[in-house]
Structures are given as structure tokens and as C-alpha cells.
Amino acid sequence: MEMNLMYAAQGYVPYGWQFPDEEVSILSEKAHKINCWGFINRQGKYYWKTTEQPVDAEFIL
């Protein structure tokens, strides 16, 4: 019996970088959001889907 084991983890993308002595500010505003959920296996195959809705159990199943 062959099993396709997939992994999922919560990612993080920083909004900006700064040098140690540099002050950086980022203005906030309401914007359009896109959520992405994906799985990857040990062979590097990646399956993903994007949505404008929250990623919850109903979305994943």
C-alpha cells in the first residue's frame, strides 16, 4: 500500500526589512486580502488553493 504523505505549515512573510539603525514605518490601510493554503510532499509536489474567505476546516476539506 502506497501512502502520499503531505505537510502543511503556517507561513510568514514579513512586510518590510530594515537596517539596525534605521527607523521604518508602514502605513496601514484596509485592503483586499488573499489567503493561500497548500500542501507539499517529500518529492516536492505542491498543491495549493487561494481564497478571499478565511481558511477554515470547511475550506480545507
PDB file of N, CA and C in Angstrom:
ATOM      1  N   MET A   1       0.846  -1.182   0.000  1.00  0.00           N
ATOM      2  CA  MET A   1       0.000   0.000   0.000  1.00  0.00           C
ATOM      3  C   MET A   1       0.892   1.247   0.000  1.00  0.00           C
ATOM      4  N   GLU A   2       0.641   2.147  -0.919  1.00  0.00           N
ATOM      5  CA  GLU A   2       1.423   3.372  -1.032  1.00  0.00           C
ATOM      6  C   GLU A   2       0.670   4.526  -0.394  1.00  0.00           C
ATOM      7  N   MET A   3       1.388   5.353   0.374  1.00  0.00           N
ATOM      8  CA  MET A   3       0.777   6.498   1.034  1.00  0.00           C
ATOM      9  C   MET A   3       1.471   7.772   0.557  1.00  0.00           C
ATOM     10  N   ASN A   4       0.686   8.777   0.221  1.00  0.00           N
ATOM     11  CA  ASN A   4       1.227  10.069  -0.186  1.00  0.00           C
ATOM     12  C   ASN A   4       1.142  11.007   1.013  1.00  0.00           C
ATOM     13  N   LEU A   5       2.231  11.140   1.759  1.00  0.00           N
ATOM     14  CA  LEU A   5       2.277  11.969   2.953  1.00  0.00           C
ATOM     15  C   LEU A   5       2.495  13.422   2.559  1.00  0.00           C
ATOM     16  N   MET A   6       1.610  14.295   3.012  1.00  0.00           N
ATOM     17  CA  MET A   6       1.690  15.720   2.693  1.00  0.00           C
ATOM     18  C   MET A   6       1.906  16.510   3.977  1.00  0.00           C
ATOM     19  N   TYR A   7       2.588  17.648   3.871  1.00  0.00           N
ATOM     20  CA  TYR A   7       2.870  18.516   5.004  1.00  0.00           C
ATOM     21  C   TYR A   7       2.213  19.874   4.786  1.00  0.00           C
ATOM     22  N   ALA A   8       1.762  20.487   5.881  1.00  0.00           N
ATOM     23  CA  ALA A   8       1.223  21.842   5.831  1.00  0.00           C
ATOM     24  C   ALA A   8       1.748  22.594   7.046  1.00  0.00           C
ATOM     25  N   ALA A   9       2.073  23.855   6.872  1.00  0.00           N
ATOM     26  CA  ALA A   9       2.558  24.687   7.971  1.00  0.00           C
ATOM     27  C   ALA A   9       2.108  26.117   7.735  1.00  0.00           C
ATOM     28  N   GLN A  10       2.028  26.865   8.801  1.00  0.00           N
ATOM     29  CA  GLN A  10       1.654  28.263   8.689  1.00  0.00           C
ATOM     30  C   GLN A  10       2.879  29.070   8.301  1.00  0.00           C
ATOM     31  N   GLY A  11       2.792  29.741   7.187  1.00  0.00           N
ATOM     32  CA  GLY A  11       3.913  30.537   6.712  1.00  0.00           C
ATOM     33  C   GLY A  11       3.863  31.958   7.228  1.00  0.00           C
ATOM     34  N   TYR A  12       4.935  32.673   6.999  1.00  0.00           N
ATOM     35  CA  TYR A  12       5.011  34.069   7.419  1.00  0.00           C
ATOM     36  C   TYR A  12       5.839  34.839   6.399  1.00  0.00           C
ATOM     37  N   VAL A  13       5.296  35.940   5.935  1.00  0.00           N
ATOM     38  CA  VAL A  13       6.024  36.811   5.016  1.00  0.00           C
ATOM     39  C   VAL A  13       6.115  38.181   5.677  1.00  0.00           C
ATOM     40  N   PRO A  14       7.321  38.640   6.014  1.00  0.00           N
ATOM     41  CA  PRO A  14       7.445  39.951   6.659  1.00  0.00           C
ATOM     42  C   PRO A  14       7.027  41.074   5.711  1.00  0.00           C
ATOM     43  N   TYR A  15       6.522  42.141   6.274  1.00  0.00           N
ATOM     44  CA  TYR A  15       6.040  43.258   5.468  1.00  0.00           C
ATOM     45  C   TYR A  15       7.153  44.217   5.085  1.00  0.00           C
ATOM     46  N   GLY A  16       8.293  44.131   5.722  1.00  0.00           N
ATOM     47  CA  GLY A  16       9.385  45.035   5.397  1.00  0.00           C
ATOM     48  C   GLY A  16      10.642  44.670   6.158  1.00  0.00           C
ATOM     49  N   TRP A  17      11.759  45.135   5.645  1.00  0.00           N
ATOM     50  CA  TRP A  17      13.060  44.892   6.280  1.00  0.00           C
ATOM     51  C   TRP A  17      13.671  46.238   6.627  1.00  0.00           C
ATOM     52  N   GLN A  18      14.557  46.240   7.624  1.00  0.00           N
ATOM     53  CA  GLN A  18      15.235  47.474   7.991  1.00  0.00           C
ATOM     54  C   GLN A  18      16.644  47.175   8.488  1.00  0.00           C
ATOM     55  N   PHE A  19      17.506  48.165   8.358  1.00  0.00           N
ATOM     56  CA  PHE A  19      18.855  48.067   8.900  1.00  0.00           C
ATOM     57  C   PHE A  19      18.801  48.323  10.405  1.00  0.00           C
ATOM     58  N   PRO A  20      19.793  47.869  11.181  1.00  0.00           N
ATOM     59  CA  PRO A  20      19.746  48.004  12.644  1.00  0.00           C
ATOM     60  C   PRO A  20      19.506  49.433  13.142  1.00  0.00           C
ATOM     61  N   ASP A  21      20.085  50.445  12.514  1.00  0.00           N
ATOM     62  CA  ASP A  21      19.933  51.831  12.979  1.00  0.00           C
ATOM     63  C   ASP A  21      18.877  52.617  12.206  1.00  0.00           C
ATOM     64  N   GLU A  22      18.110  51.956  11.383  1.00  0.00           N
ATOM     65  CA  GLU A  22      17.133  52.629  10.525  1.00  0.00           C
ATOM     66  C   GLU A  22      15.742  52.515  11.132  1.00  0.00           C
ATOM     67  N   GLU A  23      15.008  53.636  11.150  1.00  0.00           N
ATOM     68  CA  GLU A  23      13.614  53.611  11.580  1.00  0.00           C
ATOM     69  C   GLU A  23      12.737  53.471  10.347  1.00  0.00           C
ATOM     70  N   VAL A  24      11.829  52.528  10.387  1.00  0.00           N
ATOM     71  CA  VAL A  24      10.949  52.265   9.254  1.00  0.00           C
ATOM     72  C   VAL A  24       9.513  52.299   9.747  1.00  0.00           C
ATOM     73  N   SER A  25       8.641  52.926   8.998  1.00  0.00           N
ATOM     74  CA  SER A  25       7.220  52.907   9.339  1.00  0.00           C
ATOM     75  C   SER A  25       6.430  52.436   8.123  1.00  0.00           C
ATOM     76  N   ILE A  26       5.363  51.733   8.403  1.00  0.00           N
ATOM     77  CA  ILE A  26       4.497  51.217   7.347  1.00  0.00           C
ATOM     78  C   ILE A  26       3.089  51.724   7.631  1.00  0.00           C
ATOM     79  N   LEU A  27       2.535  52.477   6.707  1.00  0.00           N
ATOM     80  CA  LEU A  27       1.181  52.981   6.873  1.00  0.00           C
ATOM     81  C   LEU A  27       0.183  51.841   6.720  1.00  0.00           C
ATOM     82  N   SER A  28      -0.808  51.845   7.572  1.00  0.00           N
ATOM     83  CA  SER A  28      -1.822  50.793   7.479  1.00  0.00           C
ATOM     84  C   SER A  28      -3.050  51.330   6.751  1.00  0.00           C
ATOM     85  N   GLU A  29      -3.707  50.456   6.039  1.00  0.00           N
ATOM     86  CA  GLU A  29      -4.937  50.799   5.357  1.00  0.00           C
ATOM     87  C   GLU A  29      -5.709  49.519   5.079  1.00  0.00           C
ATOM     88  N   LYS A  30      -7.006  49.662   4.923  1.00  0.00           N
ATOM     89  CA  LYS A  30      -7.813  48.495   4.579  1.00  0.00           C
ATOM     90  C   LYS A  30      -7.523  48.118   3.136  1.00  0.00           C
ATOM     91  N   ALA A  31      -7.381  46.837   2.919  1.00  0.00           N
ATOM     92  CA  ALA A  31      -7.051  46.383   1.570  1.00  0.00           C
ATOM     93  C   ALA A  31      -7.696  45.029   1.312  1.00  0.00           C
ATOM     94  N   HIS A  32      -7.624  44.628   0.091  1.00  0.00           N
ATOM     95  CA  HIS A  32      -8.129  43.337  -0.350  1.00  0.00           C
ATOM     96  C   HIS A  32      -7.180  42.245   0.134  1.00  0.00           C
ATOM     97  N   LYS A  33      -7.705  41.186   0.744  1.00  0.00           N
ATOM     98  CA  LYS A  33      -6.858  40.107   1.258  1.00  0.00           C
ATOM     99  C   LYS A  33      -7.020  38.847   0.419  1.00  0.00           C
ATOM    100  N   ILE A  34      -5.934  38.127   0.243  1.00  0.00           N
ATOM    101  CA  ILE A  34      -5.962  36.819  -0.405  1.00  0.00           C
ATOM    102  C   ILE A  34      -5.270  35.840   0.528  1.00  0.00           C
ATOM    103  N   ASN A  35      -5.952  34.763   0.876  1.00  0.00           N
ATOM    104  CA  ASN A  35      -5.375  33.706   1.696  1.00  0.00           C
ATOM    105  C   ASN A  35      -4.997  32.539   0.802  1.00  0.00           C
ATOM    106  N   CYS A  36      -3.905  31.889   1.132  1.00  0.00           N
ATOM    107  CA  CYS A  36      -3.426  30.746   0.361  1.00  0.00           C
ATOM    108  C   CYS A  36      -3.176  29.587   1.313  1.00  0.00           C
ATOM    109  N   TRP A  37      -3.634  28.400   0.947  1.00  0.00           N
ATOM    110  CA  TRP A  37      -3.423  27.190   1.737  1.00  0.00           C
ATOM    111  C   TRP A  37      -2.800  26.157   0.822  1.00  0.00           C
ATOM    112  N   GLY A  38      -1.777  25.475   1.311  1.00  0.00           N
ATOM    113  CA  GLY A  38      -1.121  24.500   0.454  1.00  0.00           C
ATOM    114  C   GLY A  38      -0.535  23.331   1.212  1.00  0.00           C
ATOM    115  N   PHE A  39      -0.233  22.284   0.470  1.00  0.00           N
ATOM    116  CA  PHE A  39       0.414  21.082   0.985  1.00  0.00           C
ATOM    117  C   PHE A  39       1.624  20.786   0.118  1.00  0.00           C
ATOM    118  N   ILE A  40       2.662  20.223   0.722  1.00  0.00           N
ATOM    119  CA  ILE A  40       3.842  19.806  -0.028  1.00  0.00           C
ATOM    120  C   ILE A  40       4.253  18.427   0.464  1.00  0.00           C
ATOM    121  N   ASN A  41       4.718  17.576  -0.473  1.00  0.00           N
ATOM    122  CA  ASN A  41       5.183  16.252  -0.059  1.00  0.00           C
ATOM    123  C   ASN A  41       6.700  16.185  -0.155  1.00  0.00           C
ATOM    124  N   ARG A  42       7.268  15.052   0.213  1.00  0.00           N
ATOM    125  CA  ARG A  42       8.724  14.914   0.252  1.00  0.00           C
ATOM    126  C   ARG A  42       9.354  14.891  -1.138  1.00  0.00           C
ATOM    127  N   GLN A  43       8.564  14.675  -2.166  1.00  0.00           N
ATOM    128  CA  GLN A  43       9.073  14.711  -3.538  1.00  0.00           C
ATOM    129  C   GLN A  43       9.007  16.121  -4.126  1.00  0.00           C
ATOM    130  N   GLY A  44       8.518  17.080  -3.354  1.00  0.00           N
ATOM    131  CA  GLY A  44       8.460  18.465  -3.806  1.00  0.00           C
ATOM    132  C   GLY A  44       7.207  18.816  -4.584  1.00  0.00           C
ATOM    133  N   LYS A  45       6.212  17.932  -4.625  1.00  0.00           N
ATOM    134  CA  LYS A  45       4.950  18.264  -5.290  1.00  0.00           C
ATOM    135  C   LYS A  45       4.136  19.136  -4.341  1.00  0.00           C
ATOM    136  N   TYR A  46       3.614  20.224  -4.885  1.00  0.00           N
ATOM    137  CA  TYR A  46       2.928  21.221  -4.083  1.00  0.00           C
ATOM    138  C   TYR A  46       1.518  21.401  -4.615  1.00  0.00           C
ATOM    139  N   TYR A  47       0.531  21.341  -3.736  1.00  0.00           N
ATOM    140  CA  TYR A  47      -0.871  21.555  -4.094  1.00  0.00           C
ATOM    141  C   TYR A  47      -1.357  22.757  -3.297  1.00  0.00           C
ATOM    142  N   TRP A  48      -1.976  23.730  -3.959  1.00  0.00           N
ATOM    143  CA  TRP A  48      -2.393  24.932  -3.264  1.00  0.00           C
ATOM    144  C   TRP A  48      -3.694  25.473  -3.827  1.00  0.00           C
ATOM    145  N   LYS A  49      -4.326  26.329  -3.035  1.00  0.00           N
ATOM    146  CA  LYS A  49      -5.562  26.982  -3.446  1.00  0.00           C
ATOM    147  C   LYS A  49      -5.633  28.334  -2.743  1.00  0.00           C
ATOM    148  N   THR A  50      -6.124  29.345  -3.426  1.00  0.00           N
ATOM    149  CA  THR A  50      -6.284  30.665  -2.825  1.00  0.00           C
ATOM    150  C   THR A  50      -7.763  30.976  -2.643  1.00  0.00           C
ATOM    151  N   THR A  51      -8.043  31.864  -1.700  1.00  0.00           N
ATOM    152  CA  THR A  51      -9.410  32.273  -1.424  1.00  0.00           C
ATOM    153  C   THR A  51      -9.410  33.673  -0.836  1.00  0.00           C
ATOM    154  N   GLU A  52     -10.518  34.371  -0.968  1.00  0.00           N
ATOM    155  CA  GLU A  52     -10.699  35.661  -0.311  1.00  0.00           C
ATOM    156  C   GLU A  52     -11.373  35.474   1.042  1.00  0.00           C
ATOM    157  N   GLN A  53     -11.841  34.269   1.326  1.00  0.00           N
ATOM    158  CA  GLN A  53     -12.507  33.947   2.587  1.00  0.00           C
ATOM    159  C   GLN A  53     -11.486  33.428   3.598  1.00  0.00           C
ATOM    160  N   PRO A  54     -11.861  33.354   4.887  1.00  0.00           N
ATOM    161  CA  PRO A  54     -10.953  32.765   5.882  1.00  0.00           C
ATOM    162  C   PRO A  54     -10.669  31.299   5.566  1.00  0.00           C
ATOM    163  N   VAL A  55      -9.476  30.846   5.891  1.00  0.00           N
ATOM    164  CA  VAL A  55      -9.127  29.436   5.720  1.00  0.00           C
ATOM    165  C   VAL A  55      -9.575  28.716   6.985  1.00  0.00           C
ATOM    166  N   ASP A  56     -10.637  27.918   6.860  1.00  0.00           N
ATOM    167  CA  ASP A  56     -11.165  27.167   7.994  1.00  0.00           C
ATOM    168  C   ASP A  56     -11.315  25.702   7.598  1.00  0.00           C
ATOM    169  N   ALA A  57     -11.868  24.893   8.499  1.00  0.00           N
ATOM    170  CA  ALA A  57     -11.998  23.457   8.238  1.00  0.00           C
ATOM    171  C   ALA A  57     -12.837  23.184   6.993  1.00  0.00           C
ATOM    172  N   GLU A  58     -13.886  23.941   6.782  1.00  0.00           N
ATOM    173  CA  GLU A  58     -14.736  23.739   5.599  1.00  0.00           C
ATOM    174  C   GLU A  58     -13.946  23.994   4.314  1.00  0.00           C
ATOM    175  N   PHE A  59     -13.118  25.022   4.303  1.00  0.00           N
ATOM    176  CA  PHE A  59     -12.292  25.328   3.134  1.00  0.00           C
ATOM    177  C   PHE A  59     -11.292  24.209   2.866  1.00  0.00           C
ATOM    178  N   ILE A  60     -10.649  23.697   3.918  1.00  0.00           N
ATOM    179  CA  ILE A  60      -9.613  22.676   3.763  1.00  0.00           C
ATOM    180  C   ILE A  60     -10.197  21.352   3.301  1.00  0.00           C
ATOM    181  N   LEU A  61     -11.341  20.973   3.840  1.00  0.00           N
ATOM    182  CA  LEU A  61     -11.944  19.697   3.459  1.00  0.00           C
ATOM    183  C   LEU A  61     -12.598  19.796   2.109  1.00  0.00           C
TER     184      LEU A  61
END
